[in-house]
Amino acid sequence: QVRLMESGGGLVQPGGSLRLSCVASGPISSIRSMGWYRQAPGVQRELVARIGSGVTTNYADSVKDRFIISRGNAANTAYLQMNSLKPEDTAVYYCAADIITARGLNTYWGQGAQVTVSS
């Protein structure tokens, strides 16, 4: 069973930084892409950043120049470095990955990590 595990959330003051990590495990043949989404109360889940199997990345306009998504040396990991955090960045952050297994290509989701930006 494929699983995604996020870590690194927490409480930070405005202007601070946090780094989220995501590790995929299970019967994985390959990972096409990994990304981070977030959902605040009463708001639809939105894409924050996404990275392909190469170096192709894309970001939400609201986080450009503040957040950086990267893949680890191990192909099953992804990171989201969040700098200059703002109160409006407060949300549950979800890792998602497009993964090929024996069953084909599917999108898998983690359980989410709470990020709270507050003084």
C-alpha atoms as a PDB file:
ATOM      1  CA  GLN A   1       0.000   0.000   0.000  1.00  0.00           C
ATOM      2  CA  VAL A   2       1.425   3.362  -1.025  1.00  0.00           C
ATOM      3  CA  ARG A   3       1.626   5.915   1.762  1.00  0.00           C
ATOM      4  CA  LEU A   4       2.704   9.552   1.908  1.00  0.00           C
ATOM      5  CA  MET A   5       3.902  10.902   5.240  1.00  0.00           C
ATOM      6  CA  GLU A   6       4.280  14.625   5.867  1.00  0.00           C
ATOM      7  CA  SER A   7       6.286  16.219   8.661  1.00  0.00           C
ATOM      8  CA  GLY A   8       7.547  19.644   9.657  1.00  0.00           C
ATOM      9  CA  GLY A   9       4.381  21.607  10.300  1.00  0.00           C
ATOM     10  CA  GLY A  10       3.848  23.782  13.343  1.00  0.00           C
ATOM     11  CA  LEU A  11       3.391  27.272  14.691  1.00  0.00           C
ATOM     12  CA  VAL A  12       5.601  30.095  13.442  1.00  0.00           C
ATOM     13  CA  GLN A  13       5.549  33.882  13.732  1.00  0.00           C
ATOM     14  CA  PRO A  14       4.939  36.066  10.676  1.00  0.00           C
ATOM     15  CA  GLY A  15       8.136  36.424   8.696  1.00  0.00           C
ATOM     16  CA  GLY A  16       9.436  33.083   9.919  1.00  0.00           C
ATOM     17  CA  SER A  17      10.292  29.898   8.044  1.00  0.00           C
ATOM     18  CA  LEU A  18       9.286  26.249   8.085  1.00  0.00           C
ATOM     19  CA  ARG A  19      10.261  23.255   5.998  1.00  0.00           C
ATOM     20  CA  LEU A  20       7.794  20.505   5.203  1.00  0.00           C
ATOM     21  CA  SER A  21       8.946  17.030   4.239  1.00  0.00           C
ATOM     22  CA  CYS A  22       7.075  14.273   2.418  1.00  0.00           C
ATOM     23  CA  VAL A  23       8.182  10.668   2.124  1.00  0.00           C
ATOM     24  CA  ALA A  24       6.443   8.141  -0.124  1.00  0.00           C
ATOM     25  CA  SER A  25       6.642   4.450   0.721  1.00  0.00           C
ATOM     26  CA  GLY A  26       5.185   1.192  -0.534  1.00  0.00           C
ATOM     27  CA  PRO A  27       5.232  -0.764  -3.799  1.00  0.00           C
ATOM     28  CA  ILE A  28       6.306   2.161  -6.004  1.00  0.00           C
ATOM     29  CA  SER A  29       7.604   1.673  -9.540  1.00  0.00           C
ATOM     30  CA  SER A  30       8.223   5.351 -10.180  1.00  0.00           C
ATOM     31  CA  ILE A  31       7.016   8.799  -9.152  1.00  0.00           C
ATOM     32  CA  ARG A  32       5.963  11.145 -11.934  1.00  0.00           C
ATOM     33  CA  SER A  33       5.525  14.240  -9.815  1.00  0.00           C
ATOM     34  CA  MET A  34       5.147  15.438  -6.248  1.00  0.00           C
ATOM     35  CA  GLY A  35       3.390  18.494  -4.966  1.00  0.00           C
ATOM     36  CA  TRP A  36       2.015  20.404  -2.043  1.00  0.00           C
ATOM     37  CA  TYR A  37      -1.549  21.606  -1.666  1.00  0.00           C
ATOM     38  CA  ARG A  38      -3.147  23.515   1.164  1.00  0.00           C
ATOM     39  CA  GLN A  39      -6.612  24.008   2.553  1.00  0.00           C
ATOM     40  CA  ALA A  40      -7.708  26.692   4.973  1.00  0.00           C
ATOM     41  CA  PRO A  41     -11.065  26.516   6.800  1.00  0.00           C
ATOM     42  CA  GLY A  42     -13.949  27.306   4.462  1.00  0.00           C
ATOM     43  CA  VAL A  43     -11.655  27.473   1.424  1.00  0.00           C
ATOM     44  CA  GLN A  44     -11.137  25.037  -1.436  1.00  0.00           C
ATOM     45  CA  ARG A  45      -7.923  23.036  -1.495  1.00  0.00           C
ATOM     46  CA  GLU A  46      -5.391  24.803  -3.714  1.00  0.00           C
ATOM     47  CA  LEU A  47      -2.100  23.943  -5.349  1.00  0.00           C
ATOM     48  CA  VAL A  48       0.893  25.499  -3.631  1.00  0.00           C
ATOM     49  CA  ALA A  49       3.788  24.021  -5.593  1.00  0.00           C
ATOM     50  CA  ARG A  50       4.539  21.044  -7.782  1.00  0.00           C
ATOM     51  CA  ILE A  51       7.706  19.433  -9.112  1.00  0.00           C
ATOM     52  CA  GLY A  52       8.058  16.928 -11.932  1.00  0.00           C
ATOM     53  CA  SER A  53      10.489  14.056 -12.245  1.00  0.00           C
ATOM     54  CA  GLY A  54      13.027  16.470 -13.726  1.00  0.00           C
ATOM     55  CA  VAL A  55      13.431  20.046 -12.542  1.00  0.00           C
ATOM     56  CA  THR A  56      10.153  21.438 -13.787  1.00  0.00           C
ATOM     57  CA  THR A  57       8.353  23.343 -11.047  1.00  0.00           C
ATOM     58  CA  ASN A  58       5.291  25.511 -10.786  1.00  0.00           C
ATOM     59  CA  TYR A  59       4.002  27.653  -7.949  1.00  0.00           C
ATOM     60  CA  ALA A  60       0.868  29.460  -6.920  1.00  0.00           C
ATOM     61  CA  ASP A  61       1.270  33.198  -7.488  1.00  0.00           C
ATOM     62  CA  SER A  62       0.729  33.808  -3.778  1.00  0.00           C
ATOM     63  CA  VAL A  63       3.876  31.884  -2.797  1.00  0.00           C
ATOM     64  CA  LYS A  64       6.262  32.653  -5.649  1.00  0.00           C
ATOM     65  CA  ASP A  65       9.613  34.021  -4.424  1.00  0.00           C
ATOM     66  CA  ARG A  66       8.819  32.828  -0.879  1.00  0.00           C
ATOM     67  CA  PHE A  67       8.425  29.032  -1.151  1.00  0.00           C
ATOM     68  CA  ILE A  68      10.749  26.510  -2.773  1.00  0.00           C
ATOM     69  CA  ILE A  69       9.825  22.946  -3.665  1.00  0.00           C
ATOM     70  CA  SER A  70      12.548  20.357  -4.162  1.00  0.00           C
ATOM     71  CA  ARG A  71      13.075  16.627  -4.444  1.00  0.00           C
ATOM     72  CA  GLY A  72      15.460  14.810  -2.159  1.00  0.00           C
ATOM     73  CA  ASN A  73      18.393  12.639  -3.186  1.00  0.00           C
ATOM     74  CA  ALA A  74      16.027   9.743  -2.636  1.00  0.00           C
ATOM     75  CA  ALA A  75      13.446   9.924  -5.426  1.00  0.00           C
ATOM     76  CA  ASN A  76      10.598   9.271  -2.992  1.00  0.00           C
ATOM     77  CA  THR A  77      11.024  12.492  -1.002  1.00  0.00           C
ATOM     78  CA  ALA A  78       9.946  16.081  -1.498  1.00  0.00           C
ATOM     79  CA  TYR A  79      10.400  19.232   0.512  1.00  0.00           C
ATOM     80  CA  LEU A  80       8.682  22.588   0.722  1.00  0.00           C
ATOM     81  CA  GLN A  81      10.826  25.372   2.141  1.00  0.00           C
ATOM     82  CA  MET A  82       8.519  28.159   3.257  1.00  0.00           C
ATOM     83  CA  ASN A  83      10.049  31.573   3.948  1.00  0.00           C
ATOM     84  CA  SER A  84       8.604  34.964   4.857  1.00  0.00           C
ATOM     85  CA  LEU A  85       5.470  33.274   6.112  1.00  0.00           C
ATOM     86  CA  LYS A  86       2.275  35.293   6.382  1.00  0.00           C
ATOM     87  CA  PRO A  87      -0.859  34.713   8.453  1.00  0.00           C
ATOM     88  CA  GLU A  88      -2.720  33.931   5.225  1.00  0.00           C
ATOM     89  CA  ASP A  89      -0.409  30.948   4.715  1.00  0.00           C
ATOM     90  CA  THR A  90      -2.125  29.273   7.667  1.00  0.00           C
ATOM     91  CA  ALA A  91      -3.680  26.013   6.442  1.00  0.00           C
ATOM     92  CA  VAL A  92      -3.386  22.257   6.431  1.00  0.00           C
ATOM     93  CA  TYR A  93      -0.709  21.350   3.896  1.00  0.00           C
ATOM     94  CA  TYR A  94      -1.080  18.101   1.979  1.00  0.00           C
ATOM     95  CA  CYS A  95       1.558  16.233   0.035  1.00  0.00           C
ATOM     96  CA  ALA A  96       0.349  14.623  -3.199  1.00  0.00           C
ATOM     97  CA  ALA A  97       2.184  12.423  -5.664  1.00  0.00           C
ATOM     98  CA  ASP A  98       1.449  10.869  -9.050  1.00  0.00           C
ATOM     99  CA  ILE A  99       2.815   7.375  -8.597  1.00  0.00           C
ATOM    100  CA  ILE A 100       3.068   4.358 -10.865  1.00  0.00           C
ATOM    101  CA  THR A 101       2.531   0.995  -9.219  1.00  0.00           C
ATOM    102  CA  ALA A 102       1.521  -2.416 -10.573  1.00  0.00           C
ATOM    103  CA  ARG A 103      -2.010  -0.995 -10.677  1.00  0.00           C
ATOM    104  CA  GLY A 104      -1.030   1.854 -12.951  1.00  0.00           C
ATOM    105  CA  LEU A 105      -0.798   5.618 -12.438  1.00  0.00           C
ATOM    106  CA  ASN A 106      -2.708   7.106  -9.515  1.00  0.00           C
ATOM    107  CA  THR A 107      -2.595  10.182  -7.324  1.00  0.00           C
ATOM    108  CA  TYR A 108      -1.923   9.581  -3.653  1.00  0.00           C
ATOM    109  CA  TRP A 109      -2.391  11.992  -0.743  1.00  0.00           C
ATOM    110  CA  GLY A 110      -0.858  12.362   2.685  1.00  0.00           C
ATOM    111  CA  GLN A 111      -2.819  13.019   5.873  1.00  0.00           C
ATOM    112  CA  GLY A 112      -1.834  16.672   6.053  1.00  0.00           C
ATOM    113  CA  ALA A 113       0.336  18.854   8.259  1.00  0.00           C
ATOM    114  CA  GLN A 114      -0.980  21.916  10.072  1.00  0.00           C
ATOM    115  CA  VAL A 115       0.898  25.166   9.487  1.00  0.00           C
ATOM    116  CA  THR A 116      -0.127  28.121  11.637  1.00  0.00           C
ATOM    117  CA  VAL A 117       1.377  31.571  11.156  1.00  0.00           C
ATOM    118  CA  SER A 118       0.537  33.814  14.076  1.00  0.00           C
ATOM    119  CA  SER A 119       2.131  36.198  16.516  1.00  0.00           C
END
